[in-house]
Amino acid sequence: MNKTSHCIYCKHRLYQLGDGMVKCSVCKKKYSPARINQIKNILDAFCHDENAHSASKSLDLSYVGVLNYYQKFRRLCAQYCEEQYHQNRSADSQYEEYLYIEKSKRGDKSAIFDAHNFLTFSYGEKVYTLLMPSLGMFKQQFVADNLEEIYHKEFSKFMRTSKIIKISEHDNAITKFWHYFEHFITAFKGVSTEHFPYYLKEAEFKFNTPLEKRSEILEQLYFRPTV
């Protein structure tokens, strides 16, 4: 029995068509097995932390095409993380606030308004992140009122507090995720505010999910039958 004998979407029997395509006997979906394998290869590269540029070269595909798939996978990561947290969270979940600024901007006082502020909840050895509203909306007002220096001092105190937390509770899931996230995000050399939430959820998914399970989970989500 070959690997295309059952539908990737509903697992029912497939019929081979004369043009090389296959068609499901139940859900009636028609698709190319070669295309499905290509998507699986892109997904595998994503799960192994291969960036889109590298994956496009190794798979001999267009960079834009691979990047589009990566964005779809990140949305699936967000969906999965949301479902897992609501299914498995407990009443004794802990959380801490975290502010992230790109390392190249940390010496610039005005860059505090570019910070990404998110809460990190722990449940067991897993985490869930919740992105807070951007500080950017307040920048013009703080600058106009000459409060930029004051705000920067308050931010600096928060960063010192965060450092103390990391040192004193270095073994908990929250601080482990923070360290993981800092390493993860720097590989992208800058992420736009628009796309940051999806990269954050990608990091959350990969932190929570063993490498050997990532592709399996995302494949199930990507090829899940639509109602």
N, C-alpha and C. Protein backbone atom coordinates (compact mmCIF):
# COMPACT_ATOMS: atom_id res chain seq x y z
N MET A 1 0.85 -1.19 0.00
CA MET A 1 0.00 0.00 0.00
C MET A 1 0.89 1.25 0.00
N ASN A 2 0.69 2.14 -0.95
CA ASN A 2 1.56 3.32 -1.00
C ASN A 2 1.05 4.41 -0.08
N LYS A 3 1.89 5.41 0.14
CA LYS A 3 1.59 6.43 1.14
C LYS A 3 0.47 7.37 0.73
N THR A 4 0.00 7.27 -0.51
CA THR A 4 -1.11 8.13 -0.95
C THR A 4 -2.41 7.35 -1.04
N SER A 5 -2.48 6.18 -0.37
CA SER A 5 -3.68 5.35 -0.46
C SER A 5 -4.83 5.88 0.39
N HIS A 6 -4.50 6.77 1.37
CA HIS A 6 -5.54 7.35 2.21
C HIS A 6 -5.44 8.88 2.18
N CYS A 7 -6.59 9.51 2.24
CA CYS A 7 -6.69 10.97 2.13
C CYS A 7 -5.96 11.66 3.28
N ILE A 8 -5.16 12.64 2.96
CA ILE A 8 -4.42 13.39 3.97
C ILE A 8 -5.37 14.19 4.86
N TYR A 9 -6.57 14.49 4.36
CA TYR A 9 -7.51 15.31 5.11
C TYR A 9 -8.48 14.49 5.98
N CYS A 10 -9.05 13.42 5.43
CA CYS A 10 -10.07 12.68 6.20
C CYS A 10 -9.73 11.20 6.39
N LYS A 11 -8.61 10.75 5.83
CA LYS A 11 -8.08 9.38 6.02
C LYS A 11 -8.89 8.30 5.29
N HIS A 12 -9.80 8.71 4.42
CA HIS A 12 -10.55 7.71 3.65
C HIS A 12 -9.79 7.36 2.37
N ARG A 13 -10.37 6.44 1.61
CA ARG A 13 -9.69 5.90 0.43
C ARG A 13 -9.54 6.94 -0.68
N LEU A 14 -8.38 6.87 -1.34
CA LEU A 14 -8.11 7.75 -2.47
C LEU A 14 -8.21 7.01 -3.79
N TYR A 15 -8.56 7.76 -4.82
CA TYR A 15 -8.54 7.23 -6.18
C TYR A 15 -7.45 7.95 -6.97
N GLN A 16 -6.68 7.19 -7.69
CA GLN A 16 -5.64 7.78 -8.54
C GLN A 16 -6.26 8.27 -9.84
N LEU A 17 -5.95 9.51 -10.20
CA LEU A 17 -6.47 10.08 -11.44
C LEU A 17 -5.42 10.02 -12.54
N GLY A 18 -5.85 10.16 -13.74
CA GLY A 18 -4.95 10.02 -14.87
C GLY A 18 -3.89 11.09 -14.97
N ASP A 19 -4.11 12.26 -14.38
CA ASP A 19 -3.16 13.36 -14.48
C ASP A 19 -2.15 13.38 -13.33
N GLY A 20 -2.12 12.28 -12.54
CA GLY A 20 -1.19 12.21 -11.43
C GLY A 20 -1.77 12.72 -10.12
N MET A 21 -2.93 13.33 -10.19
CA MET A 21 -3.61 13.81 -8.98
C MET A 21 -4.33 12.66 -8.31
N VAL A 22 -4.78 12.88 -7.09
CA VAL A 22 -5.61 11.89 -6.40
C VAL A 22 -6.88 12.57 -5.92
N LYS A 23 -7.93 11.77 -5.71
CA LYS A 23 -9.20 12.32 -5.25
C LYS A 23 -9.77 11.41 -4.17
N CYS A 24 -10.30 12.03 -3.12
CA CYS A 24 -10.85 11.27 -2.00
C CYS A 24 -12.26 10.79 -2.32
N SER A 25 -12.56 9.58 -1.92
CA SER A 25 -13.87 8.99 -2.19
C SER A 25 -14.95 9.56 -1.28
N VAL A 26 -14.57 10.21 -0.17
CA VAL A 26 -15.55 10.72 0.79
C VAL A 26 -15.61 12.24 0.81
N CYS A 27 -14.49 12.91 1.11
CA CYS A 27 -14.52 14.38 1.19
C CYS A 27 -14.39 15.04 -0.19
N LYS A 28 -14.04 14.23 -1.19
CA LYS A 28 -13.98 14.67 -2.59
C LYS A 28 -12.84 15.65 -2.89
N LYS A 29 -11.93 15.81 -1.95
CA LYS A 29 -10.80 16.70 -2.21
C LYS A 29 -9.89 16.08 -3.28
N LYS A 30 -9.37 16.95 -4.13
CA LYS A 30 -8.48 16.55 -5.20
C LYS A 30 -7.16 17.30 -5.03
N TYR A 31 -6.05 16.57 -5.03
CA TYR A 31 -4.77 17.24 -4.81
C TYR A 31 -3.62 16.41 -5.37
N SER A 32 -2.47 17.04 -5.41
CA SER A 32 -1.25 16.40 -5.92
C SER A 32 -0.43 15.84 -4.76
N PRO A 33 -0.12 14.54 -4.76
CA PRO A 33 0.73 13.98 -3.71
C PRO A 33 2.09 14.66 -3.63
N ALA A 34 2.62 15.07 -4.79
CA ALA A 34 3.91 15.75 -4.80
C ALA A 34 3.82 17.09 -4.05
N ARG A 35 2.71 17.78 -4.22
CA ARG A 35 2.51 19.05 -3.54
C ARG A 35 2.40 18.85 -2.03
N ILE A 36 1.71 17.79 -1.63
CA ILE A 36 1.57 17.48 -0.20
C ILE A 36 2.94 17.19 0.41
N ASN A 37 3.76 16.44 -0.30
CA ASN A 37 5.11 16.14 0.19
C ASN A 37 5.95 17.40 0.30
N GLN A 38 5.75 18.32 -0.62
CA GLN A 38 6.49 19.59 -0.60
C GLN A 38 6.11 20.39 0.65
N ILE A 39 4.82 20.45 0.95
CA ILE A 39 4.35 21.16 2.13
C ILE A 39 4.92 20.52 3.40
N LYS A 40 4.95 19.19 3.42
CA LYS A 40 5.50 18.48 4.58
C LYS A 40 6.98 18.78 4.76
N ASN A 41 7.70 18.90 3.67
CA ASN A 41 9.13 19.22 3.74
C ASN A 41 9.35 20.64 4.29
N ILE A 42 8.51 21.58 3.86
CA ILE A 42 8.60 22.95 4.36
C ILE A 42 8.27 22.97 5.85
N LEU A 43 7.25 22.22 6.22
CA LEU A 43 6.85 22.14 7.62
C LEU A 43 7.95 21.54 8.49
N ASP A 44 8.61 20.53 7.97
CA ASP A 44 9.71 19.90 8.71
C ASP A 44 10.86 20.89 8.92
N ALA A 45 11.16 21.69 7.90
CA ALA A 45 12.21 22.71 8.02
C ALA A 45 11.82 23.74 9.08
N PHE A 46 10.57 24.16 9.07
CA PHE A 46 10.06 25.11 10.06
C PHE A 46 10.22 24.56 11.48
N CYS A 47 9.84 23.30 11.67
CA CYS A 47 9.88 22.69 13.00
C CYS A 47 11.31 22.48 13.49
N HIS A 48 12.26 22.41 12.57
CA HIS A 48 13.67 22.24 12.94
C HIS A 48 14.41 23.59 12.97
N ASP A 49 13.66 24.67 13.03
CA ASP A 49 14.23 26.03 13.18
C ASP A 49 15.09 26.46 11.99
N GLU A 50 14.81 25.93 10.82
CA GLU A 50 15.50 26.39 9.62
C GLU A 50 14.77 27.61 9.10
N ASN A 51 15.46 28.73 8.93
CA ASN A 51 14.75 29.93 8.50
C ASN A 51 14.25 29.80 7.06
N ALA A 52 13.34 30.68 6.68
CA ALA A 52 12.67 30.58 5.38
C ALA A 52 13.66 30.69 4.23
N HIS A 53 14.66 31.55 4.38
CA HIS A 53 15.64 31.73 3.30
C HIS A 53 16.44 30.45 3.09
N SER A 54 16.90 29.84 4.19
CA SER A 54 17.66 28.60 4.09
C SER A 54 16.81 27.46 3.54
N ALA A 55 15.56 27.38 4.01
CA ALA A 55 14.67 26.32 3.55
C ALA A 55 14.36 26.44 2.06
N SER A 56 14.18 27.68 1.59
CA SER A 56 13.89 27.87 0.17
C SER A 56 15.05 27.38 -0.70
N LYS A 57 16.28 27.56 -0.21
CA LYS A 57 17.45 27.10 -0.95
C LYS A 57 17.58 25.59 -0.91
N SER A 58 17.44 25.01 0.27
CA SER A 58 17.61 23.55 0.40
C SER A 58 16.51 22.78 -0.31
N LEU A 59 15.32 23.37 -0.40
CA LEU A 59 14.19 22.70 -1.06
C LEU A 59 13.99 23.16 -2.50
N ASP A 60 14.82 24.11 -2.94
CA ASP A 60 14.75 24.65 -4.30
C ASP A 60 13.37 25.23 -4.60
N LEU A 61 12.91 26.08 -3.67
CA LEU A 61 11.61 26.73 -3.80
C LEU A 61 11.80 28.24 -3.68
N SER A 62 10.78 28.99 -4.05
CA SER A 62 10.89 30.45 -3.94
C SER A 62 10.84 30.87 -2.47
N TYR A 63 11.61 31.89 -2.16
CA TYR A 63 11.65 32.38 -0.77
C TYR A 63 10.28 32.88 -0.34
N VAL A 64 9.61 33.64 -1.21
CA VAL A 64 8.30 34.20 -0.87
C VAL A 64 7.30 33.08 -0.59
N GLY A 65 7.34 32.03 -1.40
CA GLY A 65 6.43 30.91 -1.20
C GLY A 65 6.65 30.22 0.14
N VAL A 66 7.92 29.98 0.48
CA VAL A 66 8.24 29.34 1.75
C VAL A 66 7.84 30.24 2.92
N LEU A 67 8.12 31.54 2.79
CA LEU A 67 7.77 32.49 3.85
C LEU A 67 6.27 32.51 4.10
N ASN A 68 5.49 32.44 3.04
CA ASN A 68 4.04 32.42 3.19
C ASN A 68 3.59 31.19 3.97
N TYR A 69 4.21 30.05 3.69
CA TYR A 69 3.88 28.84 4.45
C TYR A 69 4.29 28.99 5.91
N TYR A 70 5.45 29.58 6.15
CA TYR A 70 5.92 29.78 7.52
C TYR A 70 4.93 30.64 8.31
N GLN A 71 4.37 31.65 7.66
CA GLN A 71 3.38 32.50 8.34
C GLN A 71 2.12 31.71 8.66
N LYS A 72 1.74 30.82 7.77
CA LYS A 72 0.57 29.96 8.04
C LYS A 72 0.86 29.05 9.23
N PHE A 73 2.07 28.50 9.29
CA PHE A 73 2.43 27.60 10.38
C PHE A 73 2.44 28.36 11.71
N ARG A 74 2.89 29.61 11.69
CA ARG A 74 2.90 30.41 12.92
C ARG A 74 1.48 30.66 13.42
N ARG A 75 0.55 30.88 12.52
CA ARG A 75 -0.84 31.05 12.94
C ARG A 75 -1.39 29.76 13.53
N LEU A 76 -0.97 28.62 12.99
CA LEU A 76 -1.38 27.33 13.56
C LEU A 76 -0.78 27.13 14.95
N CYS A 77 0.46 27.58 15.13
CA CYS A 77 1.09 27.50 16.45
C CYS A 77 0.27 28.29 17.46
N ALA A 78 -0.16 29.49 17.07
CA ALA A 78 -0.96 30.34 17.95
C ALA A 78 -2.28 29.66 18.31
N GLN A 79 -2.90 29.06 17.32
CA GLN A 79 -4.17 28.37 17.52
C GLN A 79 -4.00 27.19 18.48
N TYR A 80 -2.96 26.42 18.26
CA TYR A 80 -2.71 25.24 19.10
C TYR A 80 -2.40 25.64 20.54
N CYS A 81 -1.57 26.67 20.72
CA CYS A 81 -1.20 27.12 22.06
C CYS A 81 -2.43 27.61 22.83
N GLU A 82 -3.31 28.31 22.13
CA GLU A 82 -4.54 28.80 22.75
C GLU A 82 -5.39 27.63 23.23
N GLU A 83 -5.56 26.63 22.38
CA GLU A 83 -6.37 25.46 22.73
C GLU A 83 -5.76 24.71 23.91
N GLN A 84 -4.44 24.52 23.87
CA GLN A 84 -3.77 23.76 24.93
C GLN A 84 -3.87 24.46 26.28
N TYR A 85 -3.71 25.77 26.29
CA TYR A 85 -3.77 26.48 27.56
C TYR A 85 -5.15 26.39 28.19
N HIS A 86 -6.18 26.59 27.39
CA HIS A 86 -7.53 26.56 27.94
C HIS A 86 -7.96 25.15 28.35
N GLN A 87 -7.37 24.13 27.76
CA GLN A 87 -7.66 22.75 28.13
C GLN A 87 -6.92 22.31 29.39
N ASN A 88 -5.70 22.85 29.58
CA ASN A 88 -4.83 22.31 30.62
C ASN A 88 -4.47 23.27 31.75
N ARG A 89 -4.90 24.51 31.69
CA ARG A 89 -4.54 25.46 32.73
C ARG A 89 -5.16 25.04 34.07
N SER A 90 -4.53 25.47 35.14
CA SER A 90 -5.02 25.14 36.48
C SER A 90 -5.19 26.42 37.29
N ALA A 91 -5.89 26.29 38.41
CA ALA A 91 -6.18 27.45 39.24
C ALA A 91 -4.92 28.06 39.86
N ASP A 92 -3.87 27.25 40.01
CA ASP A 92 -2.65 27.74 40.65
C ASP A 92 -1.59 28.18 39.63
N SER A 93 -2.02 28.50 38.42
CA SER A 93 -1.09 28.99 37.41
C SER A 93 -0.43 30.28 37.89
N GLN A 94 0.88 30.42 37.59
CA GLN A 94 1.60 31.62 37.95
C GLN A 94 1.88 32.42 36.68
N TYR A 95 2.14 33.72 36.86
CA TYR A 95 2.51 34.52 35.69
C TYR A 95 3.43 35.65 36.10
N GLU A 96 4.21 36.10 35.13
CA GLU A 96 5.10 37.23 35.31
C GLU A 96 5.02 38.10 34.05
N GLU A 97 5.29 39.39 34.22
CA GLU A 97 5.31 40.32 33.09
C GLU A 97 6.72 40.40 32.51
N TYR A 98 6.80 40.55 31.20
CA TYR A 98 8.11 40.62 30.54
C TYR A 98 8.09 41.70 29.47
N LEU A 99 9.12 42.50 29.43
CA LEU A 99 9.27 43.52 28.40
C LEU A 99 10.46 43.15 27.53
N TYR A 100 10.23 43.09 26.25
CA TYR A 100 11.31 42.73 25.32
C TYR A 100 11.62 43.90 24.40
N ILE A 101 12.90 44.27 24.31
CA ILE A 101 13.39 45.25 23.35
C ILE A 101 14.55 44.61 22.61
N GLU A 102 14.61 44.84 21.31
CA GLU A 102 15.74 44.31 20.54
C GLU A 102 17.05 44.80 21.15
N LYS A 103 18.04 43.93 21.19
CA LYS A 103 19.32 44.27 21.82
C LYS A 103 19.96 45.51 21.21
N SER A 104 19.80 45.69 19.91
CA SER A 104 20.42 46.84 19.24
C SER A 104 19.81 48.17 19.66
N LYS A 105 18.62 48.14 20.29
CA LYS A 105 17.93 49.36 20.68
C LYS A 105 17.99 49.66 22.18
N ARG A 106 18.60 48.76 22.95
CA ARG A 106 18.50 48.89 24.40
C ARG A 106 19.25 50.08 24.98
N GLY A 107 20.15 50.68 24.23
CA GLY A 107 20.84 51.86 24.71
C GLY A 107 20.12 53.15 24.38
N ASP A 108 19.03 53.05 23.62
CA ASP A 108 18.28 54.21 23.17
C ASP A 108 17.05 54.40 24.07
N LYS A 109 17.00 55.52 24.78
CA LYS A 109 15.91 55.75 25.73
C LYS A 109 14.54 55.76 25.04
N SER A 110 14.49 56.32 23.84
CA SER A 110 13.20 56.39 23.14
C SER A 110 12.71 55.02 22.70
N ALA A 111 13.60 54.02 22.70
CA ALA A 111 13.22 52.68 22.24
C ALA A 111 12.31 51.95 23.21
N ILE A 112 12.15 52.50 24.43
CA ILE A 112 11.26 51.84 25.37
C ILE A 112 9.83 51.77 24.83
N PHE A 113 9.50 52.70 23.94
CA PHE A 113 8.15 52.71 23.38
C PHE A 113 8.00 51.66 22.28
N ASP A 114 9.11 51.03 21.88
CA ASP A 114 9.06 49.94 20.90
C ASP A 114 9.06 48.58 21.60
N ALA A 115 9.05 48.60 22.93
CA ALA A 115 9.11 47.35 23.69
C ALA A 115 7.84 46.51 23.46
N HIS A 116 8.01 45.22 23.48
CA HIS A 116 6.88 44.29 23.42
C HIS A 116 6.64 43.78 24.84
N ASN A 117 5.48 44.06 25.35
CA ASN A 117 5.13 43.73 26.73
C ASN A 117 4.19 42.53 26.73
N PHE A 118 4.61 41.43 27.36
CA PHE A 118 3.72 40.28 27.40
C PHE A 118 3.77 39.57 28.75
N LEU A 119 2.65 38.95 29.10
CA LEU A 119 2.57 38.13 30.30
C LEU A 119 2.93 36.70 29.94
N THR A 120 3.62 36.04 30.84
CA THR A 120 3.96 34.63 30.65
C THR A 120 3.37 33.83 31.80
N PHE A 121 2.42 32.96 31.48
CA PHE A 121 1.78 32.10 32.46
C PHE A 121 2.46 30.73 32.43
N SER A 122 2.55 30.09 33.57
CA SER A 122 3.08 28.73 33.61
C SER A 122 1.99 27.77 34.06
N TYR A 123 1.93 26.62 33.42
CA TYR A 123 1.06 25.54 33.88
C TYR A 123 1.85 24.26 33.71
N GLY A 124 2.29 23.70 34.83
CA GLY A 124 3.21 22.58 34.78
C GLY A 124 4.56 23.07 34.27
N GLU A 125 5.09 22.37 33.31
CA GLU A 125 6.36 22.76 32.70
C GLU A 125 6.15 23.53 31.39
N LYS A 126 4.90 23.90 31.12
CA LYS A 126 4.59 24.61 29.89
C LYS A 126 4.22 26.06 30.19
N VAL A 127 4.26 26.88 29.14
CA VAL A 127 3.94 28.30 29.32
C VAL A 127 2.89 28.74 28.30
N TYR A 128 2.27 29.86 28.62
CA TYR A 128 1.30 30.49 27.72
C TYR A 128 1.59 31.98 27.76
N THR A 129 1.64 32.62 26.61
CA THR A 129 1.96 34.04 26.54
C THR A 129 0.76 34.86 26.11
N LEU A 130 0.65 36.04 26.67
CA LEU A 130 -0.43 36.96 26.35
C LEU A 130 0.18 38.33 26.09
N LEU A 131 0.13 38.76 24.85
CA LEU A 131 0.73 40.03 24.46
C LEU A 131 -0.15 41.18 24.94
N MET A 132 0.48 42.16 25.59
CA MET A 132 -0.23 43.33 26.11
C MET A 132 -0.21 44.45 25.06
N PRO A 133 -1.06 45.49 25.24
CA PRO A 133 -1.08 46.61 24.28
C PRO A 133 0.29 47.26 24.15
N SER A 134 0.61 47.72 22.96
CA SER A 134 1.90 48.36 22.70
C SER A 134 2.02 49.69 23.43
N LEU A 135 3.23 49.98 23.89
CA LEU A 135 3.49 51.28 24.52
C LEU A 135 3.61 52.40 23.48
N GLY A 136 3.75 52.02 22.22
CA GLY A 136 3.96 53.00 21.16
C GLY A 136 2.88 54.06 21.08
N MET A 137 1.64 53.69 21.47
CA MET A 137 0.52 54.64 21.39
C MET A 137 0.71 55.83 22.34
N PHE A 138 1.58 55.67 23.36
CA PHE A 138 1.79 56.74 24.33
C PHE A 138 3.02 57.60 24.04
N LYS A 139 3.79 57.22 23.03
CA LYS A 139 5.09 57.86 22.80
C LYS A 139 4.97 59.37 22.59
N GLN A 140 4.11 59.79 21.69
CA GLN A 140 4.01 61.21 21.37
C GLN A 140 3.60 62.03 22.59
N GLN A 141 2.70 61.48 23.40
CA GLN A 141 2.24 62.20 24.57
C GLN A 141 3.35 62.35 25.61
N PHE A 142 4.12 61.27 25.83
CA PHE A 142 5.21 61.33 26.81
C PHE A 142 6.29 62.32 26.36
N VAL A 143 6.59 62.30 25.08
CA VAL A 143 7.60 63.22 24.54
C VAL A 143 7.11 64.66 24.65
N ALA A 144 5.85 64.89 24.30
CA ALA A 144 5.28 66.24 24.34
C ALA A 144 5.25 66.78 25.76
N ASP A 145 5.00 65.90 26.74
CA ASP A 145 4.92 66.33 28.14
C ASP A 145 6.27 66.27 28.85
N ASN A 146 7.32 65.98 28.07
CA ASN A 146 8.68 65.91 28.62
C ASN A 146 8.80 64.87 29.73
N LEU A 147 8.12 63.74 29.55
CA LEU A 147 8.14 62.67 30.56
C LEU A 147 8.95 61.46 30.10
N GLU A 148 9.62 61.58 28.98
CA GLU A 148 10.36 60.46 28.41
C GLU A 148 11.44 59.97 29.38
N GLU A 149 12.16 60.88 30.02
CA GLU A 149 13.23 60.53 30.94
C GLU A 149 12.67 59.80 32.17
N ILE A 150 11.57 60.27 32.68
CA ILE A 150 10.94 59.65 33.86
C ILE A 150 10.50 58.23 33.52
N TYR A 151 9.88 58.08 32.36
CA TYR A 151 9.39 56.76 31.96
C TYR A 151 10.55 55.79 31.77
N HIS A 152 11.65 56.29 31.21
CA HIS A 152 12.82 55.44 31.01
C HIS A 152 13.37 54.96 32.34
N LYS A 153 13.38 55.82 33.37
CA LYS A 153 13.87 55.43 34.69
C LYS A 153 12.99 54.34 35.29
N GLU A 154 11.67 54.50 35.14
CA GLU A 154 10.75 53.48 35.65
C GLU A 154 10.95 52.15 34.93
N PHE A 155 11.15 52.23 33.63
CA PHE A 155 11.40 51.02 32.84
C PHE A 155 12.68 50.34 33.30
N SER A 156 13.73 51.13 33.58
CA SER A 156 15.00 50.58 34.03
C SER A 156 14.85 49.85 35.36
N LYS A 157 14.02 50.42 36.26
CA LYS A 157 13.77 49.76 37.54
C LYS A 157 13.07 48.43 37.33
N PHE A 158 12.14 48.42 36.39
CA PHE A 158 11.44 47.16 36.09
C PHE A 158 12.40 46.11 35.57
N MET A 159 13.32 46.53 34.70
CA MET A 159 14.30 45.60 34.15
C MET A 159 15.19 45.03 35.25
N ARG A 160 15.55 45.86 36.25
CA ARG A 160 16.35 45.36 37.37
C ARG A 160 15.55 44.36 38.18
N THR A 161 14.26 44.65 38.38
CA THR A 161 13.39 43.72 39.10
C THR A 161 13.29 42.40 38.37
N SER A 162 13.15 42.46 37.04
CA SER A 162 13.07 41.24 36.23
C SER A 162 14.34 40.42 36.37
N LYS A 163 15.47 41.10 36.43
CA LYS A 163 16.75 40.40 36.56
C LYS A 163 16.82 39.66 37.88
N ILE A 164 16.32 40.30 38.96
CA ILE A 164 16.31 39.65 40.27
C ILE A 164 15.43 38.42 40.24
N ILE A 165 14.27 38.52 39.58
CA ILE A 165 13.37 37.37 39.46
C ILE A 165 14.07 36.23 38.75
N LYS A 166 14.77 36.54 37.65
CA LYS A 166 15.45 35.51 36.88
C LYS A 166 16.51 34.81 37.72
N ILE A 167 17.20 35.57 38.55
CA ILE A 167 18.27 34.98 39.36
C ILE A 167 17.70 34.12 40.47
N SER A 168 16.64 34.61 41.13
CA SER A 168 16.11 33.91 42.29
C SER A 168 15.22 32.73 41.95
N GLU A 169 14.63 32.74 40.75
CA GLU A 169 13.72 31.66 40.36
C GLU A 169 14.13 31.06 39.02
N HIS A 170 15.44 30.85 38.88
CA HIS A 170 15.98 30.49 37.57
C HIS A 170 15.54 29.12 37.07
N ASP A 171 14.93 28.29 37.94
CA ASP A 171 14.56 26.95 37.52
C ASP A 171 13.10 26.84 37.08
N ASN A 172 12.29 27.91 37.21
CA ASN A 172 10.89 27.74 36.85
C ASN A 172 10.67 27.89 35.35
N ALA A 173 9.51 27.43 34.90
CA ALA A 173 9.22 27.40 33.46
C ALA A 173 9.19 28.79 32.85
N ILE A 174 8.72 29.77 33.60
CA ILE A 174 8.61 31.13 33.07
C ILE A 174 9.98 31.69 32.70
N THR A 175 10.93 31.64 33.63
CA THR A 175 12.24 32.20 33.34
C THR A 175 12.99 31.36 32.31
N LYS A 176 12.74 30.06 32.28
CA LYS A 176 13.35 29.23 31.24
C LYS A 176 12.85 29.68 29.86
N PHE A 177 11.55 29.99 29.79
CA PHE A 177 11.00 30.46 28.52
C PHE A 177 11.60 31.80 28.13
N TRP A 178 11.76 32.71 29.08
CA TRP A 178 12.34 34.01 28.76
C TRP A 178 13.73 33.85 28.14
N HIS A 179 14.54 33.00 28.73
CA HIS A 179 15.87 32.76 28.17
C HIS A 179 15.78 32.14 26.78
N TYR A 180 14.86 31.18 26.64
CA TYR A 180 14.64 30.54 25.34
C TYR A 180 14.20 31.56 24.30
N PHE A 181 13.25 32.42 24.69
CA PHE A 181 12.73 33.41 23.76
C PHE A 181 13.80 34.39 23.30
N GLU A 182 14.62 34.87 24.22
CA GLU A 182 15.69 35.81 23.86
C GLU A 182 16.62 35.20 22.81
N HIS A 183 16.94 33.94 22.97
CA HIS A 183 17.80 33.26 22.00
C HIS A 183 17.06 33.04 20.68
N PHE A 184 15.81 32.63 20.77
CA PHE A 184 14.99 32.34 19.59
C PHE A 184 14.81 33.57 18.71
N ILE A 185 14.41 34.69 19.30
CA ILE A 185 14.02 35.86 18.51
C ILE A 185 15.20 36.56 17.87
N THR A 186 16.39 36.49 18.48
CA THR A 186 17.55 37.19 17.91
C THR A 186 17.98 36.58 16.58
N ALA A 187 17.61 35.35 16.32
CA ALA A 187 17.97 34.71 15.06
C ALA A 187 17.31 35.38 13.86
N PHE A 188 16.23 36.14 14.08
CA PHE A 188 15.49 36.76 12.98
C PHE A 188 15.96 38.17 12.68
N LYS A 189 16.86 38.71 13.49
CA LYS A 189 17.47 40.02 13.24
C LYS A 189 16.42 41.11 13.02
N GLY A 190 15.43 41.13 13.88
CA GLY A 190 14.41 42.18 13.81
C GLY A 190 13.09 41.64 13.29
N VAL A 191 12.04 41.82 14.07
CA VAL A 191 10.70 41.37 13.69
C VAL A 191 9.76 42.56 13.81
N SER A 192 8.95 42.79 12.81
CA SER A 192 8.03 43.93 12.82
C SER A 192 6.99 43.75 13.92
N THR A 193 6.46 44.88 14.38
CA THR A 193 5.41 44.85 15.41
C THR A 193 4.21 44.06 14.92
N GLU A 194 3.90 44.19 13.64
CA GLU A 194 2.75 43.49 13.05
C GLU A 194 2.88 41.98 13.18
N HIS A 195 4.09 41.46 12.96
CA HIS A 195 4.28 40.01 12.96
C HIS A 195 4.78 39.45 14.29
N PHE A 196 5.17 40.33 15.21
CA PHE A 196 5.74 39.87 16.47
C PHE A 196 4.84 38.87 17.22
N PRO A 197 3.51 39.08 17.31
CA PRO A 197 2.66 38.14 18.05
C PRO A 197 2.80 36.70 17.54
N TYR A 198 2.98 36.53 16.23
CA TYR A 198 3.07 35.18 15.68
C TYR A 198 4.43 34.54 15.97
N TYR A 199 5.49 35.35 15.98
CA TYR A 199 6.79 34.82 16.34
C TYR A 199 6.82 34.45 17.83
N LEU A 200 6.14 35.23 18.64
CA LEU A 200 6.04 34.92 20.07
C LEU A 200 5.33 33.58 20.27
N LYS A 201 4.26 33.35 19.53
CA LYS A 201 3.53 32.09 19.66
C LYS A 201 4.31 30.92 19.07
N GLU A 202 5.10 31.19 18.03
CA GLU A 202 5.97 30.13 17.51
C GLU A 202 6.96 29.70 18.59
N ALA A 203 7.54 30.67 19.29
CA ALA A 203 8.48 30.36 20.37
C ALA A 203 7.78 29.58 21.48
N GLU A 204 6.57 29.99 21.82
CA GLU A 204 5.80 29.30 22.85
C GLU A 204 5.53 27.84 22.45
N PHE A 205 5.09 27.65 21.22
CA PHE A 205 4.81 26.30 20.72
C PHE A 205 6.06 25.43 20.76
N LYS A 206 7.17 25.95 20.30
CA LYS A 206 8.40 25.16 20.23
C LYS A 206 8.98 24.90 21.62
N PHE A 207 8.81 25.85 22.52
CA PHE A 207 9.27 25.64 23.90
C PHE A 207 8.47 24.52 24.57
N ASN A 208 7.17 24.51 24.33
CA ASN A 208 6.28 23.54 24.97
C ASN A 208 6.29 22.17 24.33
N THR A 209 6.72 22.08 23.07
CA THR A 209 6.55 20.86 22.28
C THR A 209 7.88 20.22 21.93
N PRO A 210 8.08 18.95 22.29
CA PRO A 210 9.32 18.26 21.90
C PRO A 210 9.50 18.27 20.39
N LEU A 211 10.74 18.34 19.95
CA LEU A 211 11.03 18.42 18.51
C LEU A 211 10.36 17.31 17.72
N GLU A 212 10.38 16.10 18.27
CA GLU A 212 9.85 14.96 17.52
C GLU A 212 8.32 14.99 17.38
N LYS A 213 7.63 15.87 18.12
CA LYS A 213 6.17 15.94 18.04
C LYS A 213 5.67 17.15 17.24
N ARG A 214 6.56 18.11 16.95
CA ARG A 214 6.12 19.35 16.32
C ARG A 214 5.48 19.13 14.95
N SER A 215 6.17 18.40 14.08
CA SER A 215 5.66 18.19 12.72
C SER A 215 4.33 17.45 12.74
N GLU A 216 4.23 16.45 13.59
CA GLU A 216 3.00 15.66 13.68
C GLU A 216 1.81 16.53 14.07
N ILE A 217 2.00 17.38 15.07
CA ILE A 217 0.92 18.25 15.54
C ILE A 217 0.51 19.26 14.47
N LEU A 218 1.49 19.92 13.86
CA LEU A 218 1.17 20.94 12.86
C LEU A 218 0.60 20.34 11.58
N GLU A 219 1.04 19.15 11.22
CA GLU A 219 0.45 18.47 10.06
C GLU A 219 -1.03 18.21 10.30
N GLN A 220 -1.36 17.72 11.49
CA GLN A 220 -2.76 17.44 11.81
C GLN A 220 -3.60 18.70 11.73
N LEU A 221 -3.05 19.81 12.18
CA LEU A 221 -3.79 21.07 12.13
C LEU A 221 -3.90 21.60 10.70
N TYR A 222 -2.79 21.52 9.97
CA TYR A 222 -2.78 22.07 8.61
C TYR A 222 -3.74 21.31 7.69
N PHE A 223 -3.75 19.99 7.84
CA PHE A 223 -4.59 19.17 6.96
C PHE A 223 -5.91 18.75 7.62
N ARG A 224 -6.27 19.47 8.67
CA ARG A 224 -7.53 19.15 9.33
C ARG A 224 -8.69 19.49 8.41
N PRO A 225 -9.66 18.60 8.28
CA PRO A 225 -10.81 18.88 7.40
C PRO A 225 -11.54 20.14 7.82
N THR A 226 -11.96 20.92 6.86
CA THR A 226 -12.75 22.12 7.14
C THR A 226 -14.23 21.78 7.10
N VAL A 227 -14.96 22.44 7.96
CA VAL A 227 -16.42 22.16 8.02
C VAL A 227 -17.13 22.83 6.86
